[in-house]
C-alpha atoms as a PDB file:
ATOM      1  CA  UNK A   1      10.401  17.544  -1.722  1.00  0.00           C
ATOM      2  CA  UNK A   2      11.773  17.976   2.113  1.00  0.00           C
ATOM      3  CA  UNK A   3      12.068  15.039   3.650  1.00  0.00           C
ATOM      4  CA  UNK A   4      10.981  14.468   7.241  1.00  0.00           C
ATOM      5  CA  UNK A   5      12.667  12.273   9.448  1.00  0.00           C
ATOM      6  CA  UNK A   6      15.839  11.096   7.596  1.00  0.00           C
ATOM      7  CA  UNK A   7      17.304   9.764  10.480  1.00  0.00           C
ATOM      8  CA  UNK A   8      14.498   7.894  12.298  1.00  0.00           C
ATOM      9  CA  UNK A   9      15.080   4.222  11.786  1.00  0.00           C
ATOM     10  CA  UNK A  10      11.567   2.888  13.863  1.00  0.00           C
ATOM     11  CA  UNK A  11       8.842   4.197  15.295  1.00  0.00           C
ATOM     12  CA  UNK A  12       8.515   3.963  18.880  1.00  0.00           C
ATOM     13  CA  UNK A  13       5.420   5.064  19.707  1.00  0.00           C
ATOM     14  CA  UNK A  14       1.598   5.622  17.799  1.00  0.00           C
ATOM     15  CA  UNK A  15       2.388   9.949  17.454  1.00  0.00           C
ATOM     16  CA  UNK A  16       5.433   9.367  15.495  1.00  0.00           C
ATOM     17  CA  UNK A  17       3.544   6.760  13.875  1.00  0.00           C
ATOM     18  CA  UNK A  18       1.066   9.126  13.202  1.00  0.00           C
ATOM     19  CA  UNK A  19       2.732  11.767  12.289  1.00  0.00           C
ATOM     20  CA  UNK A  20       4.923   9.356   9.487  1.00  0.00           C
ATOM     21  CA  UNK A  21       2.040   8.303   8.330  1.00  0.00           C
ATOM     22  CA  UNK A  22       0.685  12.080   7.334  1.00  0.00           C
ATOM     23  CA  UNK A  23       4.390  12.772   5.937  1.00  0.00           C
ATOM     24  CA  UNK A  24       3.471   9.438   3.151  1.00  0.00           C
ATOM     25  CA  UNK A  25      -0.379  10.479   2.480  1.00  0.00           C
ATOM     26  CA  UNK A  26       1.229  14.638   1.777  1.00  0.00           C
ATOM     27  CA  UNK A  27       3.894  12.789  -0.630  1.00  0.00           C
ATOM     28  CA  UNK A  28       1.947  10.617  -2.350  1.00  0.00           C
ATOM     29  CA  UNK A  29      -0.202  13.315  -3.138  1.00  0.00           C
ATOM     30  CA  UNK A  30       2.623  15.870  -4.038  1.00  0.00           C
ATOM     31  CA  UNK A  31       4.130  12.808  -6.165  1.00  0.00           C
ATOM     32  CA  UNK A  32       0.643  12.646  -8.110  1.00  0.00           C
ATOM     33  CA  UNK A  33       0.022  16.221  -8.062  1.00  0.00           C
ATOM     34  CA  UNK A  34       3.373  16.439  -9.683  1.00  0.00           C
ATOM     35  CA  UNK A  35       3.529  13.054 -11.948  1.00  0.00           C
ATOM     36  CA  UNK A  36       5.929  11.189 -10.084  1.00  0.00           C
ATOM     37  CA  UNK A  37       3.788   8.567  -9.996  1.00  0.00           C
ATOM     38  CA  UNK A  38       2.060   7.813 -13.080  1.00  0.00           C
ATOM     39  CA  UNK A  39       3.988   4.976 -14.431  1.00  0.00           C
ATOM     40  CA  UNK A  40       4.417   1.868 -12.841  1.00  0.00           C
ATOM     41  CA  UNK A  41       7.542   1.313 -10.914  1.00  0.00           C
ATOM     42  CA  UNK A  42       9.313   4.865 -11.177  1.00  0.00           C
ATOM     43  CA  UNK A  43      12.195   4.960  -9.550  1.00  0.00           C
ATOM     44  CA  UNK A  44      12.472   9.033  -8.121  1.00  0.00           C
ATOM     45  CA  UNK A  45      12.991  10.901  -4.864  1.00  0.00           C
ATOM     46  CA  UNK A  46       9.475  10.462  -3.954  1.00  0.00           C
ATOM     47  CA  UNK A  47       9.203   6.517  -4.041  1.00  0.00           C
ATOM     48  CA  UNK A  48      12.280   6.040  -2.539  1.00  0.00           C
ATOM     49  CA  UNK A  49      11.178   8.193   0.340  1.00  0.00           C
ATOM     50  CA  UNK A  50       7.221   7.092  -0.079  1.00  0.00           C
ATOM     51  CA  UNK A  51       8.556   3.574   0.542  1.00  0.00           C
ATOM     52  CA  UNK A  52      11.090   4.387   2.835  1.00  0.00           C
ATOM     53  CA  UNK A  53       8.706   5.768   5.390  1.00  0.00           C
ATOM     54  CA  UNK A  54       5.795   3.141   4.571  1.00  0.00           C
ATOM     55  CA  UNK A  55       8.564   0.245   5.728  1.00  0.00           C
ATOM     56  CA  UNK A  56       8.668   2.508   8.529  1.00  0.00           C
ATOM     57  CA  UNK A  57       5.138   2.710   9.077  1.00  0.00           C
ATOM     58  CA  UNK A  58       4.483  -1.651   8.230  1.00  0.00           C
ATOM     59  CA  UNK A  59       7.266  -2.182  10.698  1.00  0.00           C
ATOM     60  CA  UNK A  60       5.139  -0.319  13.232  1.00  0.00           C
ATOM     61  CA  UNK A  61       1.987  -2.209  12.484  1.00  0.00           C
ATOM     62  CA  UNK A  62       3.109  -5.839  12.405  1.00  0.00           C
ATOM     63  CA  UNK A  63       5.015  -5.082  15.866  1.00  0.00           C
ATOM     64  CA  UNK A  64       2.237  -3.038  17.814  1.00  0.00           C
ATOM     65  CA  UNK A  65      -1.299  -2.535  15.770  1.00  0.00           C
ATOM     66  CA  UNK A  66      -3.451  -5.345  15.552  1.00  0.00           C
ATOM     67  CA  UNK A  67      -6.407  -5.062  12.878  1.00  0.00           C
ATOM     68  CA  UNK A  68      -8.418  -8.505  13.821  1.00  0.00           C
ATOM     69  CA  UNK A  69     -11.152  -5.941  14.128  1.00  0.00           C
ATOM     70  CA  UNK A  70     -11.338  -3.286  12.223  1.00  0.00           C
ATOM     71  CA  UNK A  71     -13.767  -3.048   9.116  1.00  0.00           C
ATOM     72  CA  UNK A  72     -13.281  -0.542   6.535  1.00  0.00           C
ATOM     73  CA  UNK A  73     -15.672   1.937   5.121  1.00  0.00           C
ATOM     74  CA  UNK A  74     -16.058   3.228   0.961  1.00  0.00           C
ATOM     75  CA  UNK A  75     -13.250   0.864   0.097  1.00  0.00           C
ATOM     76  CA  UNK A  76     -14.249  -1.005  -3.286  1.00  0.00           C
ATOM     77  CA  UNK A  77     -15.269  -4.632  -3.412  1.00  0.00           C
ATOM     78  CA  UNK A  78     -11.857  -5.533  -4.804  1.00  0.00           C
ATOM     79  CA  UNK A  79     -10.212  -4.415  -1.949  1.00  0.00           C
ATOM     80  CA  UNK A  80     -12.335  -5.570   0.763  1.00  0.00           C
ATOM     81  CA  UNK A  81     -11.540  -9.370  -1.030  1.00  0.00           C
ATOM     82  CA  UNK A  82      -8.059  -8.420  -1.242  1.00  0.00           C
ATOM     83  CA  UNK A  83      -8.187  -7.729   2.780  1.00  0.00           C
ATOM     84  CA  UNK A  84     -10.252 -10.465   2.942  1.00  0.00           C
ATOM     85  CA  UNK A  85      -7.846 -12.810   0.969  1.00  0.00           C
ATOM     86  CA  UNK A  86      -5.085 -11.118   3.334  1.00  0.00           C
ATOM     87  CA  UNK A  87      -6.704 -12.311   6.248  1.00  0.00           C
ATOM     88  CA  UNK A  88      -7.921 -15.824   5.858  1.00  0.00           C
ATOM     89  CA  UNK A  89      -3.868 -16.279   4.768  1.00  0.00           C
ATOM     90  CA  UNK A  90      -2.248 -14.306   8.021  1.00  0.00           C
ATOM     91  CA  UNK A  91      -0.151 -12.357   5.430  1.00  0.00           C
ATOM     92  CA  UNK A  92       0.623  -8.488   5.139  1.00  0.00           C
ATOM     93  CA  UNK A  93       0.287  -6.349   2.794  1.00  0.00           C
ATOM     94  CA  UNK A  94       4.504  -5.881   1.846  1.00  0.00           C
ATOM     95  CA  UNK A  95       3.976 -10.100   1.747  1.00  0.00           C
ATOM     96  CA  UNK A  96       1.308  -9.988  -0.734  1.00  0.00           C
ATOM     97  CA  UNK A  97       2.845  -6.958  -3.163  1.00  0.00           C
ATOM     98  CA  UNK A  98       5.907  -9.804  -3.864  1.00  0.00           C
ATOM     99  CA  UNK A  99       3.424 -12.392  -4.904  1.00  0.00           C
ATOM    100  CA  UNK A 100       1.605 -10.330  -6.600  1.00  0.00           C
ATOM    101  CA  UNK A 101       5.015  -9.211  -8.430  1.00  0.00           C
ATOM    102  CA  UNK A 102       3.821  -5.519  -7.437  1.00  0.00           C
ATOM    103  CA  UNK A 103       5.996  -2.740  -6.040  1.00  0.00           C
ATOM    104  CA  UNK A 104       5.300  -2.308  -2.043  1.00  0.00           C
ATOM    105  CA  UNK A 105       4.567   1.329  -2.780  1.00  0.00           C
ATOM    106  CA  UNK A 106       2.434   0.507  -6.077  1.00  0.00           C
ATOM    107  CA  UNK A 107      -0.037  -2.261  -4.492  1.00  0.00           C
ATOM    108  CA  UNK A 108      -0.430   0.215  -0.860  1.00  0.00           C
ATOM    109  CA  UNK A 109      -1.637   3.351  -3.259  1.00  0.00           C
ATOM    110  CA  UNK A 110      -4.191   0.543  -4.688  1.00  0.00           C
ATOM    111  CA  UNK A 111      -4.633  -0.358  -1.834  1.00  0.00           C
ATOM    112  CA  UNK A 112      -6.317   3.134  -1.195  1.00  0.00           C
ATOM    113  CA  UNK A 113      -7.731   4.074  -3.973  1.00  0.00           C
ATOM    114  CA  UNK A 114      -5.124   6.321  -5.359  1.00  0.00           C
ATOM    115  CA  UNK A 115      -3.352   3.681  -8.255  1.00  0.00           C
ATOM    116  CA  UNK A 116      -4.898   1.722 -10.600  1.00  0.00           C
ATOM    117  CA  UNK A 117      -3.380  -1.778 -11.528  1.00  0.00           C
ATOM    118  CA  UNK A 118      -1.717  -3.381 -14.401  1.00  0.00           C
ATOM    119  CA  UNK A 119      -3.173  -5.670 -16.480  1.00  0.00           C
ATOM    120  CA  UNK A 120      -0.486  -8.724 -15.205  1.00  0.00           C
ATOM    121  CA  UNK A 121      -1.611  -7.206 -11.492  1.00  0.00           C
ATOM    122  CA  UNK A 122      -5.496  -7.412 -12.253  1.00  0.00           C
ATOM    123  CA  UNK A 123      -3.959 -11.397 -14.053  1.00  0.00           C
ATOM    124  CA  UNK A 124      -2.037 -12.136 -10.736  1.00  0.00           C
ATOM    125  CA  UNK A 125      -5.307 -11.358  -8.720  1.00  0.00           C
ATOM    126  CA  UNK A 126      -6.946 -14.080 -10.562  1.00  0.00           C
ATOM    127  CA  UNK A 127      -4.128 -16.450 -10.969  1.00  0.00           C
ATOM    128  CA  UNK A 128      -2.503 -15.902  -7.428  1.00  0.00           C
ATOM    129  CA  UNK A 129      -4.727 -15.262  -4.977  1.00  0.00           C
ATOM    130  CA  UNK A 130      -7.916 -16.869  -7.307  1.00  0.00           C
ATOM    131  CA  UNK A 131     -10.342 -13.488  -6.495  1.00  0.00           C
ATOM    132  CA  UNK A 132     -12.960 -13.495  -8.772  1.00  0.00           C
ATOM    133  CA  UNK A 133     -12.499 -11.801 -12.485  1.00  0.00           C
ATOM    134  CA  UNK A 134     -15.884  -9.318 -12.586  1.00  0.00           C
ATOM    135  CA  UNK A 135     -14.541  -7.962  -8.977  1.00  0.00           C
ATOM    136  CA  UNK A 136     -11.149  -7.745 -11.139  1.00  0.00           C
ATOM    137  CA  UNK A 137     -12.973  -6.748 -14.326  1.00  0.00           C
ATOM    138  CA  UNK A 138     -15.220  -3.711 -12.037  1.00  0.00           C
ATOM    139  CA  UNK A 139     -12.687  -2.403  -9.719  1.00  0.00           C
ATOM    140  CA  UNK A 140      -9.579  -3.126 -11.079  1.00  0.00           C
END
C-alpha cells in the first residue's frame, strides 16, 4: 500500500478534500479486492489508513460543507432512512456509528453500499433508532 497525504493533519481546501476523498475510495477498493475488509472490526494497515483519511474528510465536512439540501439517488431505502434519521436528530455519521456500536469505517462502507451490516448492527438499527424492521431485513 502506498500511503499518500501522510503529513496532512487538516484539510483546508475543497481541492484537497476531493483528492483525499478519491484516495480513500481507492484504498477501500484496493482493500476490498485484497480481502482486507472481509471481517468486521479488522485492524490492518488499510483499515487504519482508511480511518485516518476518513476522519480528515469528516472533519472538513463538519466544518465547511452544508448537506441540508443534498438528495442522494441510487441509495437503498435503508440508507435513505438512516440519512433521514441522522438529519432529524442532527447528528453526523461518526456519531451514529458510535450510537450503533459500529466502527466508523465499517459504517461508512455500509452507507456507500460497499459492505453489509452484521446482525448485531441490524438489531441496533431497530432498537436504538427505531428503523422499520422490513427495511432492515430487506436491505441490511
